[in-house]
């Protein structure tokens, strides 16, 4: 499990596209020195397994499903990726519960200055995910735990503080680019519970809608 607090920004050295899967090599000395073969590491929000570890880098294999369903498909030599190691038992939960299981790819609409220092990130969610996103709720974007500032349909706005902008790959992304999105898993559990044992209000809505 992760928390969405980025430890380091790595640089992709190689992307080897093989039949059915890819292998990436990431230069990140501060993270690589903490890894052992088989350890989990979140790469821009995607939980991967560290392989071929050196003092300065690690490799990871991307399954065909991972390439198809995440923004890692855009990676090339020189790409910046957000890195986080799993949270240790007993550590403070500084962000929110992040699994490293990407729910979909959002479109970056804009990332602009808002005031003297802050930034405003606007994105468009893929269809179906908007029901899990609420104003002031948590959302994971490229592995970063962020707080939703506004929601309008599938469009989401997020206030980004200067530290987050400078310490992650957000400052290297471009308008129209793809963003890994993981919604709050607690919202999914809440939905499942509500569907299994709907409240009186929910029952009334279901009847009204003809279900």
N, C-alpha and C. Protein backbone atom coordinates (compact mmCIF):
# COMPACT_ATOMS: atom_id res chain seq x y z
N UNK A 1 0.83 -1.19 0.00
CA UNK A 1 0.00 0.00 0.00
C UNK A 1 0.87 1.25 0.00
N UNK A 2 0.39 2.29 -0.66
CA UNK A 2 1.11 3.56 -0.76
C UNK A 2 0.26 4.68 -0.17
N UNK A 3 0.84 5.87 -0.11
CA UNK A 3 0.10 7.00 0.46
C UNK A 3 -0.04 8.16 -0.52
N UNK A 4 0.64 8.09 -1.66
CA UNK A 4 0.56 9.17 -2.64
C UNK A 4 1.49 10.32 -2.34
N UNK A 5 2.45 10.12 -1.43
CA UNK A 5 3.46 11.14 -1.15
C UNK A 5 4.73 10.75 -1.91
N UNK A 6 5.04 11.48 -2.95
CA UNK A 6 6.13 11.14 -3.86
C UNK A 6 7.49 11.32 -3.18
N UNK A 7 8.33 10.30 -3.27
CA UNK A 7 9.65 10.34 -2.63
C UNK A 7 10.72 10.90 -3.56
N UNK A 8 10.55 10.63 -4.85
CA UNK A 8 11.60 11.00 -5.78
C UNK A 8 11.03 11.01 -7.19
N UNK A 9 11.63 11.79 -8.07
CA UNK A 9 11.28 11.76 -9.49
C UNK A 9 12.41 11.08 -10.23
N UNK A 10 12.11 9.96 -10.85
CA UNK A 10 13.12 9.23 -11.61
C UNK A 10 13.09 9.59 -13.08
N UNK A 11 14.13 9.18 -13.77
CA UNK A 11 14.23 9.44 -15.21
C UNK A 11 14.34 8.11 -15.95
N UNK A 12 13.45 7.92 -16.90
CA UNK A 12 13.46 6.68 -17.68
C UNK A 12 14.69 6.67 -18.59
N UNK A 13 15.52 5.64 -18.44
CA UNK A 13 16.71 5.51 -19.28
C UNK A 13 16.42 4.70 -20.54
N UNK A 14 15.62 3.64 -20.38
CA UNK A 14 15.33 2.76 -21.52
C UNK A 14 13.87 2.31 -21.48
N UNK A 15 13.30 2.13 -22.66
CA UNK A 15 12.00 1.48 -22.81
C UNK A 15 12.17 0.40 -23.86
N UNK A 16 12.17 -0.84 -23.42
CA UNK A 16 12.35 -1.96 -24.34
C UNK A 16 10.99 -2.61 -24.60
N UNK A 17 10.48 -2.43 -25.81
CA UNK A 17 9.18 -2.96 -26.16
C UNK A 17 9.34 -4.36 -26.72
N UNK A 18 8.78 -5.31 -25.96
CA UNK A 18 8.87 -6.71 -26.37
C UNK A 18 7.47 -7.24 -26.64
N UNK A 19 7.40 -8.37 -27.26
CA UNK A 19 6.10 -8.96 -27.58
C UNK A 19 5.33 -9.27 -26.30
N UNK A 20 4.18 -8.61 -26.16
CA UNK A 20 3.32 -8.88 -25.01
C UNK A 20 3.63 -8.06 -23.78
N UNK A 21 4.82 -7.49 -23.67
CA UNK A 21 5.16 -6.70 -22.49
C UNK A 21 6.30 -5.76 -22.80
N UNK A 22 6.51 -4.78 -21.92
CA UNK A 22 7.64 -3.86 -22.04
C UNK A 22 8.52 -4.01 -20.81
N UNK A 23 9.77 -3.58 -20.94
CA UNK A 23 10.64 -3.45 -19.77
C UNK A 23 11.19 -2.03 -19.76
N UNK A 24 11.06 -1.36 -18.63
CA UNK A 24 11.61 -0.02 -18.49
C UNK A 24 12.77 -0.05 -17.50
N UNK A 25 13.72 0.83 -17.71
CA UNK A 25 14.83 1.01 -16.77
C UNK A 25 14.77 2.46 -16.30
N UNK A 26 14.75 2.63 -14.99
CA UNK A 26 14.58 3.96 -14.40
C UNK A 26 15.81 4.33 -13.58
N UNK A 27 16.39 5.48 -13.89
CA UNK A 27 17.49 6.01 -13.08
C UNK A 27 16.92 6.76 -11.90
N UNK A 28 17.24 6.30 -10.70
CA UNK A 28 16.74 6.94 -9.47
C UNK A 28 17.58 6.43 -8.30
N UNK A 29 18.79 6.95 -8.13
CA UNK A 29 19.71 6.45 -7.10
C UNK A 29 19.10 6.41 -5.70
N UNK A 30 18.39 7.47 -5.30
CA UNK A 30 17.85 7.53 -3.93
C UNK A 30 16.85 6.42 -3.65
N UNK A 31 16.10 6.01 -4.67
CA UNK A 31 15.11 4.94 -4.51
C UNK A 31 15.75 3.58 -4.73
N UNK A 32 16.59 3.46 -5.75
CA UNK A 32 17.20 2.16 -6.10
C UNK A 32 17.98 1.57 -4.93
N UNK A 33 18.63 2.41 -4.14
CA UNK A 33 19.44 1.91 -3.03
C UNK A 33 18.62 1.37 -1.87
N UNK A 34 17.31 1.61 -1.91
CA UNK A 34 16.42 1.07 -0.87
C UNK A 34 15.71 -0.19 -1.33
N UNK A 35 15.88 -0.55 -2.60
CA UNK A 35 15.14 -1.66 -3.17
C UNK A 35 15.90 -2.97 -3.12
N UNK A 36 15.13 -4.05 -3.03
CA UNK A 36 15.64 -5.40 -3.25
C UNK A 36 14.81 -6.03 -4.37
N UNK A 37 15.40 -6.99 -5.06
CA UNK A 37 14.69 -7.64 -6.16
C UNK A 37 13.35 -8.18 -5.67
N UNK A 38 12.30 -7.84 -6.39
CA UNK A 38 10.96 -8.30 -6.05
C UNK A 38 10.15 -7.32 -5.23
N UNK A 39 10.80 -6.23 -4.78
CA UNK A 39 10.07 -5.22 -4.02
C UNK A 39 9.07 -4.49 -4.91
N UNK A 40 8.02 -3.99 -4.29
CA UNK A 40 7.06 -3.16 -5.00
C UNK A 40 7.53 -1.71 -5.02
N UNK A 41 7.23 -1.03 -6.10
CA UNK A 41 7.51 0.40 -6.21
C UNK A 41 6.43 1.01 -7.09
N UNK A 42 5.91 2.14 -6.67
CA UNK A 42 4.89 2.83 -7.47
C UNK A 42 5.58 3.76 -8.46
N UNK A 43 5.30 3.56 -9.73
CA UNK A 43 5.88 4.38 -10.80
C UNK A 43 4.75 5.18 -11.43
N UNK A 44 4.72 6.47 -11.13
CA UNK A 44 3.62 7.35 -11.58
C UNK A 44 2.26 6.74 -11.27
N UNK A 45 2.17 6.15 -10.07
CA UNK A 45 0.91 5.63 -9.60
C UNK A 45 0.62 4.19 -9.93
N UNK A 46 1.54 3.51 -10.63
CA UNK A 46 1.34 2.11 -11.01
C UNK A 46 2.26 1.23 -10.17
N UNK A 47 1.70 0.29 -9.45
CA UNK A 47 2.50 -0.62 -8.62
C UNK A 47 3.22 -1.63 -9.52
N UNK A 48 4.56 -1.57 -9.50
CA UNK A 48 5.38 -2.46 -10.31
C UNK A 48 6.35 -3.23 -9.42
N UNK A 49 6.99 -4.24 -9.99
CA UNK A 49 7.96 -5.05 -9.27
C UNK A 49 9.37 -4.69 -9.72
N UNK A 50 10.23 -4.34 -8.77
CA UNK A 50 11.60 -3.93 -9.08
C UNK A 50 12.46 -5.13 -9.45
N UNK A 51 13.20 -4.99 -10.56
CA UNK A 51 14.09 -6.04 -11.06
C UNK A 51 15.42 -5.41 -11.46
N UNK A 52 16.43 -6.25 -11.64
CA UNK A 52 17.73 -5.79 -12.16
C UNK A 52 18.18 -4.50 -11.48
N UNK A 53 18.26 -4.54 -10.17
CA UNK A 53 18.56 -3.33 -9.39
C UNK A 53 20.06 -3.08 -9.32
N UNK A 54 20.45 -1.83 -9.53
CA UNK A 54 21.83 -1.40 -9.34
C UNK A 54 21.82 -0.28 -8.30
N UNK A 55 22.96 0.30 -8.03
CA UNK A 55 23.01 1.40 -7.06
C UNK A 55 22.28 2.64 -7.56
N UNK A 56 22.13 2.74 -8.86
CA UNK A 56 21.55 3.95 -9.43
C UNK A 56 20.25 3.75 -10.19
N UNK A 57 19.84 2.50 -10.40
CA UNK A 57 18.66 2.29 -11.24
C UNK A 57 17.95 0.98 -10.90
N UNK A 58 16.79 0.81 -11.46
CA UNK A 58 16.06 -0.45 -11.36
C UNK A 58 15.27 -0.64 -12.65
N UNK A 59 14.92 -1.87 -12.93
CA UNK A 59 14.09 -2.19 -14.09
C UNK A 59 12.74 -2.68 -13.60
N UNK A 60 11.74 -2.63 -14.46
CA UNK A 60 10.42 -3.16 -14.14
C UNK A 60 9.75 -3.59 -15.43
N UNK A 61 9.02 -4.68 -15.36
CA UNK A 61 8.29 -5.17 -16.53
C UNK A 61 6.86 -4.65 -16.50
N UNK A 62 6.37 -4.23 -17.67
CA UNK A 62 5.00 -3.77 -17.82
C UNK A 62 4.22 -4.81 -18.61
N UNK A 63 3.21 -5.39 -17.99
CA UNK A 63 2.37 -6.34 -18.69
C UNK A 63 1.59 -5.62 -19.79
N UNK A 64 1.12 -6.37 -20.76
CA UNK A 64 0.35 -5.78 -21.86
C UNK A 64 -0.84 -4.99 -21.32
N UNK A 65 -1.48 -5.51 -20.27
CA UNK A 65 -2.61 -4.83 -19.64
C UNK A 65 -2.20 -3.48 -19.06
N UNK A 66 -1.01 -3.44 -18.45
CA UNK A 66 -0.51 -2.20 -17.86
C UNK A 66 -0.24 -1.15 -18.94
N UNK A 67 0.35 -1.57 -20.03
CA UNK A 67 0.62 -0.65 -21.13
C UNK A 67 -0.69 -0.10 -21.70
N UNK A 68 -1.68 -0.97 -21.80
CA UNK A 68 -2.95 -0.58 -22.42
C UNK A 68 -3.77 0.34 -21.54
N UNK A 69 -3.69 0.16 -20.22
CA UNK A 69 -4.63 0.82 -19.32
C UNK A 69 -4.03 1.99 -18.53
N UNK A 70 -2.74 2.29 -18.73
CA UNK A 70 -2.14 3.36 -17.94
C UNK A 70 -1.37 4.34 -18.82
N UNK A 71 -0.98 5.45 -18.21
CA UNK A 71 -0.22 6.46 -18.95
C UNK A 71 1.23 6.04 -19.18
N UNK A 72 1.64 4.89 -18.64
CA UNK A 72 3.01 4.45 -18.87
C UNK A 72 3.25 4.12 -20.34
N UNK A 73 2.18 4.00 -21.11
CA UNK A 73 2.31 3.75 -22.54
C UNK A 73 2.98 4.92 -23.26
N UNK A 74 3.00 6.11 -22.63
CA UNK A 74 3.62 7.28 -23.26
C UNK A 74 5.11 7.40 -22.93
N UNK A 75 5.63 6.49 -22.10
CA UNK A 75 7.01 6.62 -21.65
C UNK A 75 8.01 6.45 -22.80
N UNK A 76 9.06 7.25 -22.71
CA UNK A 76 10.18 7.16 -23.65
C UNK A 76 11.44 7.51 -22.86
N UNK A 77 12.59 7.26 -23.45
CA UNK A 77 13.84 7.63 -22.78
C UNK A 77 13.82 9.11 -22.45
N UNK A 78 14.10 9.43 -21.19
CA UNK A 78 14.09 10.82 -20.76
C UNK A 78 12.83 11.23 -20.02
N UNK A 79 11.78 10.39 -20.06
CA UNK A 79 10.53 10.72 -19.35
C UNK A 79 10.76 10.76 -17.84
N UNK A 80 10.06 11.68 -17.19
CA UNK A 80 10.12 11.78 -15.73
C UNK A 80 8.96 10.99 -15.12
N UNK A 81 9.26 10.20 -14.09
CA UNK A 81 8.22 9.39 -13.44
C UNK A 81 8.27 9.62 -11.93
N UNK A 82 7.09 9.68 -11.32
CA UNK A 82 6.99 9.82 -9.87
C UNK A 82 7.22 8.47 -9.21
N UNK A 83 8.00 8.45 -8.14
CA UNK A 83 8.34 7.19 -7.48
C UNK A 83 7.97 7.24 -6.00
N UNK A 84 7.42 6.12 -5.53
CA UNK A 84 7.11 5.98 -4.11
C UNK A 84 7.28 4.52 -3.70
N UNK A 85 7.90 4.30 -2.55
CA UNK A 85 8.00 2.97 -1.98
C UNK A 85 6.80 2.72 -1.08
N UNK A 86 6.45 1.43 -0.83
CA UNK A 86 5.30 1.14 0.01
C UNK A 86 5.46 1.72 1.41
N UNK A 87 4.32 2.05 2.01
CA UNK A 87 4.33 2.57 3.37
C UNK A 87 4.69 1.46 4.35
N UNK A 88 5.56 1.76 5.29
CA UNK A 88 5.92 0.80 6.32
C UNK A 88 4.86 0.77 7.41
N UNK A 89 4.67 -0.40 8.00
CA UNK A 89 3.70 -0.53 9.09
C UNK A 89 4.06 0.43 10.22
N UNK A 90 3.06 1.14 10.69
CA UNK A 90 3.29 2.08 11.78
C UNK A 90 3.66 3.47 11.34
N UNK A 91 3.87 3.67 10.03
CA UNK A 91 4.23 5.00 9.53
C UNK A 91 2.99 5.87 9.45
N UNK A 92 3.15 7.19 9.59
CA UNK A 92 2.01 8.10 9.47
C UNK A 92 1.41 8.03 8.06
N UNK A 93 0.10 8.07 8.00
CA UNK A 93 -0.58 8.09 6.70
C UNK A 93 -0.73 9.54 6.28
N UNK A 94 0.30 10.06 5.60
CA UNK A 94 0.32 11.48 5.27
C UNK A 94 -0.59 11.88 4.13
N UNK A 95 -0.83 10.97 3.18
CA UNK A 95 -1.71 11.28 2.06
C UNK A 95 -3.05 10.60 2.27
N UNK A 96 -3.34 9.57 1.47
CA UNK A 96 -4.51 8.72 1.69
C UNK A 96 -4.18 7.33 1.19
N UNK A 97 -5.07 6.39 1.36
CA UNK A 97 -4.79 5.00 0.97
C UNK A 97 -4.73 4.90 -0.56
N UNK A 98 -3.56 4.52 -1.06
CA UNK A 98 -3.32 4.38 -2.50
C UNK A 98 -2.84 2.94 -2.76
N UNK A 99 -3.50 2.26 -3.67
CA UNK A 99 -3.16 0.86 -3.95
C UNK A 99 -2.14 0.69 -5.07
N UNK A 100 -2.04 1.69 -5.92
CA UNK A 100 -1.18 1.52 -7.09
C UNK A 100 -1.89 0.79 -8.21
N UNK A 101 -3.21 0.74 -8.14
CA UNK A 101 -4.03 0.09 -9.16
C UNK A 101 -4.79 1.18 -9.92
N UNK A 102 -4.33 1.50 -11.10
CA UNK A 102 -4.89 2.61 -11.86
C UNK A 102 -6.30 2.27 -12.36
N UNK A 103 -7.23 3.20 -12.13
CA UNK A 103 -8.62 2.99 -12.55
C UNK A 103 -8.89 3.48 -13.96
N UNK A 104 -8.08 4.40 -14.45
CA UNK A 104 -8.30 4.92 -15.79
C UNK A 104 -7.31 6.03 -16.12
N UNK A 105 -7.39 6.49 -17.35
CA UNK A 105 -6.50 7.55 -17.83
C UNK A 105 -7.31 8.81 -18.07
N UNK A 106 -6.91 9.88 -17.40
CA UNK A 106 -7.56 11.18 -17.58
C UNK A 106 -6.78 12.01 -18.59
N UNK A 107 -7.44 13.03 -19.11
CA UNK A 107 -6.81 13.96 -20.04
C UNK A 107 -6.46 15.25 -19.31
N UNK A 108 -5.22 15.69 -19.45
CA UNK A 108 -4.80 16.95 -18.84
C UNK A 108 -5.34 18.11 -19.68
N UNK A 109 -6.27 18.86 -19.09
CA UNK A 109 -6.85 19.99 -19.80
C UNK A 109 -5.99 21.23 -19.69
N UNK A 110 -5.47 21.48 -18.49
CA UNK A 110 -4.59 22.63 -18.28
C UNK A 110 -3.91 22.54 -16.93
N UNK A 111 -2.79 23.21 -16.81
CA UNK A 111 -2.07 23.36 -15.55
C UNK A 111 -1.48 24.75 -15.57
N UNK A 112 -2.15 25.66 -14.85
CA UNK A 112 -1.80 27.06 -14.95
C UNK A 112 -1.58 27.68 -13.58
N UNK A 113 -0.81 28.77 -13.56
CA UNK A 113 -0.58 29.50 -12.32
C UNK A 113 -1.91 30.03 -11.78
N UNK A 114 -2.05 29.94 -10.46
CA UNK A 114 -3.24 30.47 -9.80
C UNK A 114 -2.76 31.30 -8.62
N UNK A 115 -2.69 32.60 -8.83
CA UNK A 115 -2.16 33.46 -7.78
C UNK A 115 -0.65 33.56 -7.87
N UNK A 116 -0.03 33.96 -6.79
CA UNK A 116 1.41 34.22 -6.79
C UNK A 116 2.24 32.95 -6.93
N UNK A 117 1.81 31.85 -6.27
CA UNK A 117 2.64 30.65 -6.26
C UNK A 117 1.91 29.37 -6.63
N UNK A 118 0.66 29.27 -6.26
CA UNK A 118 -0.08 28.03 -6.48
C UNK A 118 -0.40 27.80 -7.96
N UNK A 119 -0.75 26.54 -8.25
CA UNK A 119 -1.13 26.14 -9.59
C UNK A 119 -2.51 25.51 -9.56
N UNK A 120 -3.18 25.52 -10.70
CA UNK A 120 -4.51 24.93 -10.83
C UNK A 120 -4.46 23.86 -11.92
N UNK A 121 -4.72 22.62 -11.52
CA UNK A 121 -4.72 21.50 -12.45
C UNK A 121 -6.15 21.18 -12.83
N UNK A 122 -6.42 21.12 -14.14
CA UNK A 122 -7.74 20.75 -14.62
C UNK A 122 -7.62 19.52 -15.50
N UNK A 123 -8.47 18.53 -15.24
CA UNK A 123 -8.41 17.28 -16.00
C UNK A 123 -9.81 16.78 -16.30
N UNK A 124 -9.88 15.92 -17.30
CA UNK A 124 -11.14 15.29 -17.68
C UNK A 124 -11.04 13.80 -17.38
N UNK A 125 -11.92 13.32 -16.51
CA UNK A 125 -11.92 11.91 -16.14
C UNK A 125 -12.49 11.04 -17.25
N UNK A 126 -12.06 9.79 -17.32
CA UNK A 126 -12.72 8.86 -18.24
C UNK A 126 -14.13 8.58 -17.74
N UNK A 127 -15.02 8.24 -18.63
CA UNK A 127 -16.41 7.99 -18.26
C UNK A 127 -16.50 6.91 -17.19
N UNK A 128 -17.35 7.15 -16.19
CA UNK A 128 -17.59 6.16 -15.14
C UNK A 128 -16.87 6.43 -13.84
N UNK A 129 -15.82 7.24 -13.86
CA UNK A 129 -15.07 7.48 -12.63
C UNK A 129 -15.57 8.69 -11.85
N UNK A 130 -16.33 9.55 -12.51
CA UNK A 130 -16.76 10.78 -11.84
C UNK A 130 -17.60 10.52 -10.59
N UNK A 131 -18.28 9.39 -10.54
CA UNK A 131 -19.13 9.09 -9.37
C UNK A 131 -18.32 8.85 -8.11
N UNK A 132 -17.03 8.56 -8.26
CA UNK A 132 -16.18 8.32 -7.10
C UNK A 132 -15.42 9.56 -6.63
N UNK A 133 -15.64 10.68 -7.30
CA UNK A 133 -14.87 11.90 -7.00
C UNK A 133 -15.81 12.96 -6.44
N UNK A 134 -15.45 13.51 -5.27
CA UNK A 134 -16.28 14.51 -4.62
C UNK A 134 -15.43 15.72 -4.25
N UNK A 135 -16.09 16.85 -4.12
CA UNK A 135 -15.42 18.08 -3.71
C UNK A 135 -14.74 17.88 -2.36
N UNK A 136 -13.49 18.25 -2.28
CA UNK A 136 -12.64 18.13 -1.09
C UNK A 136 -12.26 16.68 -0.77
N UNK A 137 -12.59 15.76 -1.68
CA UNK A 137 -12.19 14.37 -1.49
C UNK A 137 -10.78 14.13 -2.02
N UNK A 138 -10.30 12.90 -1.86
CA UNK A 138 -8.95 12.55 -2.31
C UNK A 138 -8.98 11.88 -3.67
N UNK A 139 -7.94 12.13 -4.46
CA UNK A 139 -7.76 11.48 -5.75
C UNK A 139 -6.27 11.34 -6.01
N UNK A 140 -5.89 10.27 -6.68
CA UNK A 140 -4.48 10.04 -7.00
C UNK A 140 -4.25 10.34 -8.47
N UNK A 141 -3.35 11.27 -8.74
CA UNK A 141 -3.02 11.66 -10.12
C UNK A 141 -1.52 11.42 -10.34
N UNK A 142 -1.20 10.52 -11.26
CA UNK A 142 0.21 10.16 -11.51
C UNK A 142 0.91 9.74 -10.22
N UNK A 143 0.15 9.07 -9.34
CA UNK A 143 0.72 8.60 -8.09
C UNK A 143 0.72 9.61 -6.97
N UNK A 144 0.24 10.83 -7.22
CA UNK A 144 0.27 11.90 -6.23
C UNK A 144 -1.08 11.99 -5.53
N UNK A 145 -1.07 11.98 -4.21
CA UNK A 145 -2.28 12.17 -3.43
C UNK A 145 -2.65 13.65 -3.46
N UNK A 146 -3.81 13.96 -4.03
CA UNK A 146 -4.25 15.35 -4.18
C UNK A 146 -5.68 15.51 -3.67
N UNK A 147 -6.05 16.75 -3.38
CA UNK A 147 -7.39 17.06 -2.89
C UNK A 147 -8.17 17.77 -3.98
N UNK A 148 -9.37 17.29 -4.22
CA UNK A 148 -10.24 17.86 -5.26
C UNK A 148 -10.75 19.23 -4.81
N UNK A 149 -10.60 20.21 -5.68
CA UNK A 149 -11.06 21.57 -5.38
C UNK A 149 -12.44 21.84 -5.97
N UNK A 150 -12.75 21.21 -7.09
CA UNK A 150 -14.06 21.41 -7.73
C UNK A 150 -14.33 20.26 -8.70
N UNK A 151 -15.61 19.93 -8.83
CA UNK A 151 -16.03 18.87 -9.75
C UNK A 151 -17.22 19.36 -10.55
N UNK A 152 -17.17 19.15 -11.87
CA UNK A 152 -18.28 19.48 -12.74
C UNK A 152 -18.39 18.39 -13.79
N UNK A 153 -19.28 17.44 -13.55
CA UNK A 153 -19.37 16.30 -14.46
C UNK A 153 -18.08 15.51 -14.42
N UNK A 154 -17.47 15.34 -15.58
CA UNK A 154 -16.21 14.60 -15.65
C UNK A 154 -14.99 15.50 -15.49
N UNK A 155 -15.21 16.81 -15.40
CA UNK A 155 -14.10 17.74 -15.24
C UNK A 155 -13.79 17.96 -13.76
N UNK A 156 -12.51 17.88 -13.44
CA UNK A 156 -12.07 18.01 -12.06
C UNK A 156 -10.98 19.08 -11.98
N UNK A 157 -11.06 19.91 -10.95
CA UNK A 157 -10.02 20.90 -10.70
C UNK A 157 -9.33 20.60 -9.38
N UNK A 158 -8.01 20.80 -9.37
CA UNK A 158 -7.20 20.49 -8.20
C UNK A 158 -6.22 21.63 -7.97
N UNK A 159 -6.16 22.09 -6.73
CA UNK A 159 -5.18 23.12 -6.36
C UNK A 159 -3.85 22.43 -6.06
N UNK A 160 -2.78 22.89 -6.68
CA UNK A 160 -1.46 22.28 -6.52
C UNK A 160 -0.53 23.29 -5.84
N UNK A 161 0.04 22.90 -4.71
CA UNK A 161 0.94 23.81 -4.00
C UNK A 161 2.31 23.81 -4.68
N UNK A 162 3.13 24.83 -4.44
CA UNK A 162 4.44 24.93 -5.10
C UNK A 162 5.32 23.71 -4.90
N UNK A 163 5.34 23.14 -3.70
CA UNK A 163 6.19 21.97 -3.45
C UNK A 163 5.80 20.80 -4.35
N UNK A 164 4.51 20.52 -4.44
CA UNK A 164 4.05 19.41 -5.28
C UNK A 164 4.40 19.66 -6.74
N UNK A 165 4.23 20.89 -7.19
CA UNK A 165 4.54 21.21 -8.58
C UNK A 165 6.03 20.99 -8.87
N UNK A 166 6.90 21.39 -7.96
CA UNK A 166 8.34 21.31 -8.22
C UNK A 166 8.92 19.93 -7.91
N UNK A 167 8.29 19.17 -7.01
CA UNK A 167 8.87 17.90 -6.55
C UNK A 167 8.29 16.67 -7.24
N UNK A 168 7.45 16.87 -8.25
CA UNK A 168 6.85 15.75 -8.99
C UNK A 168 7.01 16.00 -10.49
N UNK A 169 6.45 15.08 -11.28
CA UNK A 169 6.56 15.23 -12.73
C UNK A 169 5.50 16.16 -13.32
N UNK A 170 4.66 16.76 -12.47
CA UNK A 170 3.61 17.65 -12.99
C UNK A 170 4.18 18.78 -13.82
N UNK A 171 5.34 19.29 -13.43
CA UNK A 171 5.91 20.43 -14.15
C UNK A 171 6.47 20.05 -15.52
N UNK A 172 6.46 18.76 -15.84
CA UNK A 172 6.97 18.32 -17.14
C UNK A 172 5.86 17.85 -18.07
N UNK A 173 4.63 17.82 -17.57
CA UNK A 173 3.52 17.34 -18.38
C UNK A 173 2.98 18.43 -19.29
N UNK A 174 2.32 18.03 -20.35
CA UNK A 174 1.81 18.97 -21.34
C UNK A 174 0.30 18.82 -21.50
N UNK A 175 -0.34 19.93 -21.86
CA UNK A 175 -1.78 19.93 -22.10
C UNK A 175 -2.15 18.88 -23.15
N UNK A 176 -3.19 18.12 -22.86
CA UNK A 176 -3.61 17.06 -23.76
C UNK A 176 -3.00 15.72 -23.43
N UNK A 177 -2.04 15.71 -22.51
CA UNK A 177 -1.37 14.47 -22.13
C UNK A 177 -2.24 13.59 -21.26
N UNK A 178 -1.80 12.36 -21.04
CA UNK A 178 -2.56 11.38 -20.26
C UNK A 178 -2.05 11.34 -18.82
N UNK A 179 -2.98 11.12 -17.90
CA UNK A 179 -2.68 11.08 -16.47
C UNK A 179 -3.26 9.82 -15.85
N UNK A 180 -2.44 9.09 -15.10
CA UNK A 180 -2.96 7.94 -14.36
C UNK A 180 -3.86 8.41 -13.23
N UNK A 181 -5.04 7.82 -13.12
CA UNK A 181 -5.99 8.18 -12.08
C UNK A 181 -6.35 6.95 -11.25
N UNK A 182 -6.24 7.11 -9.94
CA UNK A 182 -6.79 6.10 -9.03
C UNK A 182 -7.74 6.82 -8.08
N UNK A 183 -8.99 6.43 -8.09
CA UNK A 183 -9.96 7.07 -7.20
C UNK A 183 -9.81 6.49 -5.81
N UNK A 184 -10.44 7.14 -4.84
CA UNK A 184 -10.35 6.71 -3.45
C UNK A 184 -11.04 5.36 -3.28
N UNK A 185 -10.29 4.35 -2.84
CA UNK A 185 -10.85 3.01 -2.70
C UNK A 185 -11.99 2.99 -1.69
N UNK A 186 -11.99 3.90 -0.73
CA UNK A 186 -13.08 3.95 0.25
C UNK A 186 -14.40 4.29 -0.42
N UNK A 187 -14.35 5.08 -1.50
CA UNK A 187 -15.57 5.40 -2.24
C UNK A 187 -16.14 4.15 -2.91
N UNK A 188 -15.26 3.26 -3.36
CA UNK A 188 -15.71 2.02 -3.99
C UNK A 188 -16.39 1.11 -2.96
N UNK A 189 -15.79 1.01 -1.77
CA UNK A 189 -16.38 0.18 -0.73
C UNK A 189 -17.73 0.75 -0.29
N UNK A 190 -17.81 2.08 -0.21
CA UNK A 190 -19.08 2.71 0.16
C UNK A 190 -20.16 2.40 -0.88
N UNK A 191 -19.77 2.43 -2.16
CA UNK A 191 -20.72 2.12 -3.23
C UNK A 191 -21.18 0.67 -3.13
N UNK A 192 -20.25 -0.24 -2.88
CA UNK A 192 -20.60 -1.66 -2.80
C UNK A 192 -21.55 -1.91 -1.64
N UNK A 193 -21.27 -1.28 -0.52
CA UNK A 193 -22.14 -1.46 0.65
C UNK A 193 -23.54 -0.91 0.37
N UNK A 194 -23.59 0.23 -0.28
CA UNK A 194 -24.87 0.86 -0.58
C UNK A 194 -25.68 0.02 -1.54
N UNK A 195 -25.01 -0.60 -2.51
CA UNK A 195 -25.71 -1.45 -3.47
C UNK A 195 -26.19 -2.74 -2.82
N UNK A 196 -25.39 -3.25 -1.86
CA UNK A 196 -25.76 -4.50 -1.19
C UNK A 196 -26.91 -4.28 -0.21
N UNK A 197 -26.90 -3.14 0.46
CA UNK A 197 -27.95 -2.83 1.43
C UNK A 197 -28.34 -1.37 1.28
N UNK A 198 -29.05 -1.03 0.23
CA UNK A 198 -29.37 0.37 -0.05
C UNK A 198 -30.19 1.02 1.04
N UNK A 199 -29.91 2.28 1.28
CA UNK A 199 -30.67 3.06 2.25
C UNK A 199 -32.05 3.36 1.69
N UNK A 200 -32.92 3.91 2.55
CA UNK A 200 -34.27 4.26 2.11
C UNK A 200 -34.23 5.28 0.99
N UNK A 201 -33.30 6.23 1.08
CA UNK A 201 -33.18 7.25 0.05
C UNK A 201 -32.76 6.62 -1.27
N UNK A 202 -31.77 5.71 -1.19
CA UNK A 202 -31.30 5.04 -2.41
C UNK A 202 -32.41 4.19 -3.02
N UNK A 203 -33.15 3.48 -2.18
CA UNK A 203 -34.25 2.65 -2.69
C UNK A 203 -35.27 3.50 -3.43
N UNK A 204 -35.58 4.65 -2.87
CA UNK A 204 -36.54 5.54 -3.51
C UNK A 204 -36.05 6.01 -4.87
N UNK A 205 -34.74 6.33 -4.94
CA UNK A 205 -34.16 6.77 -6.21
C UNK A 205 -34.18 5.63 -7.24
N UNK A 206 -33.86 4.40 -6.80
CA UNK A 206 -33.85 3.26 -7.71
C UNK A 206 -35.25 3.00 -8.26
N UNK A 207 -36.27 3.10 -7.39
CA UNK A 207 -37.65 2.89 -7.82
C UNK A 207 -38.06 3.98 -8.82
N UNK A 208 -37.67 5.22 -8.50
CA UNK A 208 -38.01 6.36 -9.36
C UNK A 208 -37.39 6.19 -10.75
N UNK A 209 -36.17 5.62 -10.79
CA UNK A 209 -35.48 5.46 -12.07
C UNK A 209 -35.89 4.17 -12.78
N UNK A 210 -36.76 3.37 -12.15
CA UNK A 210 -37.28 2.18 -12.83
C UNK A 210 -36.46 0.93 -12.63
N UNK A 211 -35.60 0.90 -11.60
CA UNK A 211 -34.79 -0.29 -11.35
C UNK A 211 -35.52 -1.23 -10.39
